[in-house]
Protein backbone atom coordinates (compact mmCIF):
# COMPACT_ATOMS: atom_id res chain seq x y z
CA MET A 1 -22.32 -1.53 20.11
CA LYS A 2 -21.06 1.31 17.93
CA ILE A 3 -22.17 1.20 14.31
CA TRP A 4 -19.75 3.05 12.07
CA ASP A 5 -20.89 4.79 8.90
CA VAL A 6 -17.74 3.63 7.12
CA VAL A 7 -14.92 1.21 7.90
CA ILE A 8 -11.95 1.58 5.56
CA VAL A 9 -9.68 -1.46 5.24
CA GLY A 10 -6.19 -0.33 4.28
CA GLY A 11 -4.19 2.69 5.42
CA GLY A 12 -2.30 3.43 2.23
CA PRO A 13 -2.61 6.70 0.27
CA ILE A 14 -6.06 5.84 -1.11
CA GLY A 15 -7.36 4.57 2.22
CA ILE A 16 -6.16 7.82 3.79
CA ALA A 17 -7.89 9.78 1.00
CA CYS A 18 -11.14 7.92 1.80
CA GLY A 19 -10.73 8.80 5.47
CA LEU A 20 -10.30 12.47 4.62
CA GLU A 21 -13.47 12.43 2.52
CA ALA A 22 -15.45 10.64 5.21
CA LYS A 23 -14.33 13.19 7.80
CA LYS A 24 -15.24 16.13 5.55
CA LYS A 25 -18.73 14.70 5.07
CA GLY A 26 -19.26 14.31 8.79
CA LEU A 27 -19.44 10.51 8.75
CA SER A 28 -18.22 8.27 11.54
CA TYR A 29 -15.32 6.26 10.16
CA ILE A 30 -12.23 4.29 11.08
CA ILE A 31 -9.28 3.16 8.96
CA LEU A 32 -7.91 -0.30 9.78
CA GLU A 33 -4.31 -0.91 8.70
CA LYS A 34 -2.45 -4.16 9.32
CA GLY A 35 0.92 -2.41 9.49
CA CYS A 36 2.23 1.11 9.87
CA ILE A 37 0.91 4.20 8.06
CA VAL A 38 1.20 3.57 4.28
CA ASN A 39 2.65 0.16 5.07
CA SER A 40 3.31 -0.81 1.44
CA LEU A 41 5.33 2.36 0.82
CA TYR A 42 7.29 1.70 3.99
CA ASN A 43 8.32 -1.70 2.57
CA TYR A 44 9.52 -0.21 -0.73
CA PRO A 45 13.30 -0.16 -1.33
CA LEU A 46 15.03 2.49 0.78
CA ASN A 47 16.23 4.53 -2.19
CA MET A 48 13.19 4.14 -4.41
CA GLN A 49 12.14 7.11 -6.53
CA PHE A 50 8.59 7.35 -7.81
CA PHE A 51 7.77 7.40 -11.50
CA SER A 52 5.14 10.06 -10.81
CA SER A 53 5.85 13.67 -9.98
CA SER A 54 4.93 14.90 -6.50
CA GLU A 55 1.77 16.76 -7.52
CA LYS A 56 0.33 13.56 -8.99
CA LEU A 57 0.77 11.81 -5.65
CA GLU A 58 -1.14 14.50 -3.76
CA ILE A 59 -4.43 13.64 -2.09
CA ASP A 60 -7.24 16.02 -1.16
CA GLU A 61 -5.32 18.86 -2.88
CA ILE A 62 -2.80 18.94 -0.02
CA PRO A 63 0.51 20.13 -1.54
CA PHE A 64 3.33 17.58 -1.71
CA ILE A 65 6.65 19.44 -1.79
CA SER A 66 9.70 17.34 -2.72
CA ILE A 67 13.34 18.17 -3.38
CA GLU A 68 13.22 16.75 -6.89
CA ALA A 69 10.30 16.68 -9.31
CA LYS A 70 9.87 12.96 -8.63
CA PRO A 71 9.86 12.29 -4.89
CA LYS A 72 11.59 9.46 -3.11
CA ARG A 73 10.23 6.95 -0.63
CA ASN A 74 11.23 8.85 2.51
CA GLU A 75 9.52 12.02 1.27
CA ALA A 76 6.30 10.14 0.52
CA LEU A 77 6.32 8.51 3.95
CA GLU A 78 6.62 11.93 5.59
CA TYR A 79 3.93 13.45 3.36
CA TYR A 80 1.28 10.82 4.09
CA ARG A 81 2.21 10.57 7.77
CA ARG A 82 1.75 14.30 8.24
CA ILE A 83 -1.63 14.16 6.52
CA VAL A 84 -2.78 11.49 8.98
CA THR A 85 -1.46 13.27 12.07
CA SER A 86 -2.31 16.86 11.06
CA ASN A 87 -5.89 15.92 10.19
CA GLN A 88 -6.19 13.66 13.23
CA LEU A 89 -7.56 10.85 11.11
CA ASN A 90 -9.10 7.96 13.02
CA ILE A 91 -6.76 5.11 12.12
CA ALA A 92 -5.99 1.86 13.94
CA LEU A 93 -2.51 0.59 13.07
CA PHE A 94 -1.10 -2.93 13.22
CA GLU A 95 -4.62 -4.32 13.14
CA LYS A 96 -5.25 -6.88 10.42
CA VAL A 97 -8.82 -7.53 9.26
CA ASN A 98 -9.39 -11.28 9.05
CA SER A 99 -13.03 -11.46 7.96
CA ILE A 100 -15.92 -9.35 6.70
CA ASN A 101 -19.48 -10.63 6.77
CA LYS A 102 -22.76 -8.93 6.03
CA ILE A 103 -25.58 -9.79 8.41
CA ASP A 104 -29.02 -8.14 8.31
CA GLY A 105 -27.71 -5.24 6.26
CA LEU A 106 -24.74 -4.53 8.52
CA PHE A 107 -21.10 -5.48 8.03
CA LYS A 108 -19.25 -7.26 10.78
CA LEU A 109 -15.47 -6.93 10.52
CA VAL A 110 -13.28 -9.08 12.74
CA SER A 111 -9.66 -8.06 13.15
CA ASP A 112 -6.96 -9.68 15.24
CA LYS A 113 -7.74 -7.12 17.97
CA ASN A 114 -11.37 -6.00 17.73
CA THR A 115 -14.77 -6.46 16.08
CA TYR A 116 -16.41 -3.61 14.16
CA THR A 117 -19.93 -3.08 12.84
CA SER A 118 -20.55 -0.74 9.92
CA THR A 119 -23.17 0.21 7.35
CA HIS A 120 -20.50 0.67 4.63
CA VAL A 121 -17.07 -0.81 3.95
CA ILE A 122 -14.29 0.39 1.65
CA ILE A 123 -11.50 -2.03 0.78
CA ALA A 124 -8.28 -0.27 -0.23
CA THR A 125 -5.70 -2.95 0.46
CA GLY A 126 -3.48 -2.69 -2.62
CA PHE A 127 -1.52 -5.61 -4.02
CA TYR A 128 1.94 -5.60 -2.45
CA ASP A 129 1.42 -8.41 0.06
CA ILE A 130 1.53 -11.57 -2.05
CA PRO A 131 4.48 -12.17 -4.44
CA ASN A 132 4.03 -13.86 -7.79
CA ARG A 133 5.88 -17.08 -7.06
CA MET A 134 7.96 -18.95 -9.63
CA ASN A 135 6.99 -22.32 -8.11
CA VAL A 136 10.42 -23.87 -8.62
CA PRO A 137 12.47 -26.11 -6.31
CA GLY A 138 14.51 -24.06 -3.85
CA GLU A 139 12.28 -20.97 -3.93
CA ASP A 140 11.81 -21.23 -0.15
CA LEU A 141 15.53 -21.20 0.64
CA LYS A 142 16.68 -18.42 2.99
CA LYS A 143 18.84 -16.97 0.21
CA VAL A 144 15.73 -16.15 -1.84
CA SER A 145 13.70 -12.98 -1.31
CA HIS A 146 10.68 -11.59 -3.16
CA TYR A 147 11.32 -8.17 -1.64
CA TYR A 148 14.31 -5.87 -1.89
CA LYS A 149 15.27 -3.20 0.62
CA ASP A 150 18.93 -2.11 0.64
CA PRO A 151 21.85 -2.89 -1.71
CA HIS A 152 24.54 -2.75 1.00
CA PHE A 153 23.62 -6.25 2.19
CA TYR A 154 24.58 -7.72 -1.21
CA SER A 155 28.01 -6.08 -1.54
CA SER A 156 30.68 -8.54 -2.80
CA GLN A 157 28.05 -11.24 -3.29
CA LYS A 158 26.87 -13.07 -6.41
CA VAL A 159 23.29 -11.92 -6.84
CA ALA A 160 20.71 -13.16 -9.33
CA VAL A 161 17.92 -10.63 -9.94
CA ILE A 162 14.83 -12.07 -11.61
CA GLY A 163 12.46 -9.74 -13.42
CA ALA A 164 12.32 -7.03 -16.08
CA SER A 165 10.25 -4.29 -14.45
CA ASN A 166 11.13 -1.30 -12.28
CA SER A 167 11.72 -3.14 -9.02
CA ALA A 168 14.08 -5.67 -10.59
CA ILE A 169 15.98 -3.12 -12.65
CA ASP A 170 16.41 -0.73 -9.72
CA ALA A 171 17.70 -3.59 -7.56
CA ALA A 172 20.13 -4.79 -10.24
CA LEU A 173 21.63 -1.33 -10.71
CA GLU A 174 21.85 -0.52 -7.00
CA CYS A 175 23.43 -3.86 -6.09
CA TYR A 176 25.93 -3.54 -8.94
CA ARG A 177 26.93 -0.07 -7.72
CA LYS A 178 27.51 -1.44 -4.21
CA GLY A 179 29.93 -4.04 -5.54
CA ALA A 180 27.71 -7.05 -6.14
CA ASP A 181 28.28 -9.43 -9.04
CA VAL A 182 24.84 -9.15 -10.65
CA SER A 183 23.14 -11.51 -13.08
CA LEU A 184 19.79 -10.36 -14.47
CA ILE A 185 17.34 -13.07 -15.55
CA ILE A 186 14.55 -11.88 -17.84
CA ARG A 187 11.78 -14.11 -19.16
CA GLY A 188 11.25 -12.00 -22.29
CA PRO A 189 13.54 -10.68 -25.03
CA GLU A 190 14.30 -7.26 -23.49
CA VAL A 191 14.20 -4.99 -20.48
CA GLY A 192 10.58 -4.04 -19.76
CA GLN A 193 9.18 -1.09 -21.69
CA ARG A 194 7.51 0.28 -18.53
CA VAL A 195 10.84 0.75 -16.75
CA LYS A 196 11.32 4.39 -15.72
CA TYR A 197 12.52 6.32 -18.76
CA TRP A 198 15.60 7.70 -17.01
CA VAL A 199 16.57 4.24 -15.68
CA ARG A 200 16.10 2.10 -18.79
CA PRO A 201 19.08 3.56 -20.73
CA ASP A 202 21.23 3.08 -17.61
CA ILE A 203 20.55 -0.65 -17.32
CA ILE A 204 20.94 -1.18 -21.07
CA ASN A 205 24.33 0.55 -21.01
CA ARG A 206 25.48 -1.51 -18.02
CA ILE A 207 24.43 -4.68 -19.86
CA GLU A 208 26.13 -3.68 -23.09
CA GLU A 209 29.41 -2.86 -21.34
CA GLY A 210 29.31 -6.18 -19.49
CA SER A 211 28.99 -4.75 -15.98
CA ILE A 212 25.72 -6.62 -15.46
CA LYS A 213 25.23 -10.02 -17.07
CA VAL A 214 21.82 -10.62 -18.57
CA TYR A 215 20.03 -13.80 -19.63
CA TYR A 216 17.11 -13.00 -21.92
CA ASN A 217 14.31 -15.47 -22.76
CA SER A 218 15.34 -17.42 -19.68
CA THR A 219 13.53 -18.90 -16.70
CA VAL A 220 14.61 -20.42 -13.41
CA GLN A 221 14.60 -24.21 -13.27
CA GLU A 222 15.91 -24.66 -9.73
CA ILE A 223 17.60 -22.74 -6.93
CA LYS A 224 20.31 -24.46 -4.89
CA GLU A 225 22.39 -23.35 -1.92
CA ASP A 226 25.36 -22.29 -4.03
CA GLU A 227 23.95 -21.95 -7.55
CA ILE A 228 20.91 -21.20 -9.65
CA ILE A 229 19.88 -23.32 -12.64
CA LEU A 230 18.41 -21.56 -15.69
CA ASN A 231 16.57 -22.70 -18.77
CA SER A 232 17.91 -20.52 -21.57
CA PRO A 233 17.87 -20.50 -25.41
CA SER A 234 21.37 -22.01 -25.30
CA GLY A 235 20.33 -24.78 -22.92
CA THR A 236 20.63 -25.34 -19.19
CA ILE A 237 22.96 -22.93 -17.40
CA ALA A 238 24.27 -23.20 -13.83
CA LEU A 239 25.35 -19.93 -12.21
CA GLU A 240 27.33 -19.63 -9.01
CA ASN A 241 25.07 -17.77 -6.64
CA ASP A 242 24.84 -16.42 -3.10
CA TYR A 243 21.47 -14.64 -3.18
CA VAL A 244 18.36 -14.50 -5.35
CA LEU A 245 16.07 -11.48 -5.62
CA ALA A 246 12.92 -12.83 -7.27
CA LEU A 247 11.24 -9.52 -8.10
CA THR A 248 8.53 -10.97 -10.30
CA GLY A 249 5.66 -8.78 -9.17
CA TYR A 250 2.83 -9.03 -6.67
CA MET A 251 -0.89 -9.69 -6.59
CA PRO A 252 -3.93 -8.70 -4.51
CA ASN A 253 -5.22 -11.06 -1.85
CA PHE A 254 -7.85 -12.70 -4.05
CA GLY A 255 -8.68 -15.25 -1.37
CA PHE A 256 -9.72 -12.46 0.98
CA LEU A 257 -11.93 -10.85 -1.69
CA GLU A 258 -13.58 -14.16 -2.57
CA LYS A 259 -14.16 -14.97 1.09
CA ILE A 260 -16.05 -11.69 1.44
CA GLY A 261 -18.15 -12.58 -1.61
CA ILE A 262 -16.74 -10.19 -4.20
CA GLN A 263 -17.05 -11.70 -7.66
CA LEU A 264 -13.89 -12.00 -9.78
CA SER A 265 -13.62 -12.53 -13.51
CA ASP A 266 -12.88 -16.08 -14.61
CA ASP A 267 -9.96 -15.13 -16.83
CA GLU A 268 -6.34 -14.62 -15.84
CA LYS A 269 -6.94 -10.94 -15.06
CA ARG A 270 -9.07 -11.84 -11.99
CA LEU A 271 -10.82 -8.47 -12.18
CA PRO A 272 -13.12 -7.78 -9.23
CA GLN A 273 -16.66 -6.72 -10.04
CA TYR A 274 -17.55 -3.11 -9.30
CA ASP A 275 -19.52 -0.22 -10.77
CA PRO A 276 -16.97 2.19 -12.31
CA ARG A 277 -19.31 5.12 -11.57
CA THR A 278 -19.46 4.48 -7.83
CA MET A 279 -16.82 1.78 -7.12
CA GLU A 280 -19.54 -0.30 -5.42
CA THR A 281 -19.03 -4.06 -5.76
CA ASN A 282 -21.62 -6.76 -6.33
CA ILE A 283 -22.23 -6.50 -2.56
CA ASP A 284 -24.37 -3.47 -1.71
CA ASN A 285 -22.52 -0.81 0.31
CA LEU A 286 -19.15 -2.50 -0.09
CA TYR A 287 -16.67 -0.57 -2.24
CA LEU A 288 -13.21 -1.00 -3.74
CA ALA A 289 -10.65 1.79 -3.99
CA GLY A 290 -7.17 2.07 -5.43
CA VAL A 291 -4.92 -0.41 -7.15
CA ILE A 292 -6.84 -3.46 -5.94
CA CYS A 293 -9.47 -2.65 -8.59
CA GLY A 294 -7.10 -3.85 -11.33
CA GLY A 295 -6.87 -7.49 -10.28
CA MET A 296 -3.78 -9.01 -11.87
CA GLU A 297 -3.42 -5.90 -14.05
CA THR A 298 -1.32 -4.26 -11.36
CA HIS A 299 -0.03 -1.66 -13.83
CA LYS A 300 -3.54 -0.30 -14.45
CA TRP A 301 -4.19 1.70 -11.27
CA PHE A 302 -1.73 3.91 -9.42
CA ILE A 303 -1.99 6.55 -6.72
CA GLU A 304 -2.19 9.26 -9.35
CA ASN A 305 -5.20 7.88 -11.23
CA SER A 306 -7.06 6.24 -8.34
CA ARG A 307 -7.17 9.31 -6.09
CA ILE A 308 -10.56 10.01 -7.64
CA HIS A 309 -12.03 6.88 -6.03
CA ALA A 310 -12.31 8.52 -2.60
CA PRO A 311 -14.73 11.32 -3.56
CA MET A 312 -16.63 9.00 -5.92
CA ILE A 313 -17.27 6.50 -3.14
CA LEU A 314 -18.07 8.94 -0.37
CA ASP A 315 -20.36 11.01 -2.62
CA HIS A 316 -22.27 7.83 -3.40
CA ILE A 317 -22.48 6.81 0.26
CA VAL A 318 -23.84 10.23 1.24
CA SER A 319 -26.30 10.35 -1.67
CA GLU A 320 -27.57 6.87 -0.89
CA ALA A 321 -28.00 7.83 2.76
CA LYS A 322 -29.98 10.94 1.78
CA ILE A 323 -32.23 8.93 -0.56
CA SER A 324 -32.82 6.33 2.15
CA SER A 325 -33.58 9.03 4.71
CA ALA A 326 -35.98 10.85 2.37
CA TYR A 327 -37.79 7.57 1.60
CA LYS A 328 -38.21 6.78 5.28
CA ASN A 329 -39.55 10.27 5.99
CA LYS A 330 -41.97 10.04 3.07
CA THR A 331 -43.30 6.63 4.06
CA GLY A 332 -43.80 7.52 7.65
């Protein structure tokens, strides 16, 4: 039975960064990814452009060259793929980890293909897998999607876009420009302040000129086959509708974290417990890296400010190993 020094769960940018650090330090490691390389980025909208500039998305000081200052999805996919292949990182793709248990100081990870044993585990699974549901009648209809890919599909259709952040605003503008009749439903009084600064004026202008209809301070009451029912300040409104894009955000897999034994805060933030100096959780030798550290505060951690997690974690793993080795040598 092989005992790995480190098993990294998640093959996104930060998981890849952890793999690079583990390789540099001469540790045995494997990255387990349930989908393709940087699976979350792959599932982003086809035309998505990052808020961050390319140099802020770099990992391990490997240059990221993009056509524009702010790269697009396809450029990021190529960048991270080339890092994996050029550095011959040890990564197992399309292998979902179902359970992690610690037994006699070792972690046992069971995936849908294999079982792994490791002295250390890093969880870098992000938060893009589970949508924030509205919990309204009709949300499970085929016409409703919590993910958006390509505007062409919605051409000449009546589309309700729900949300006020970047994903919703990008979808509303792209669908409108492909000929969709777009209605934007926003729970608050305005377009989100965190919307990309070059996009926010665009959506506001489209709203003001009447190209995109907006319903502020409104929520969805029910979704039907041919309409969507809203609760608005002016009362109940029924809109003719073909498709609903419920882009209301996403959350980490808290159930998975709790099953492992990671403690979460009792408030609505659901913050996982970890030492900010080392990223080690309440479970010895189990670490968190990347956006998953923010719990429900999914705007707190990004690629650009969580890149530092990889060296922090691997430095701690190596230092702990050296201390343990020195202690054993000293005691006989």
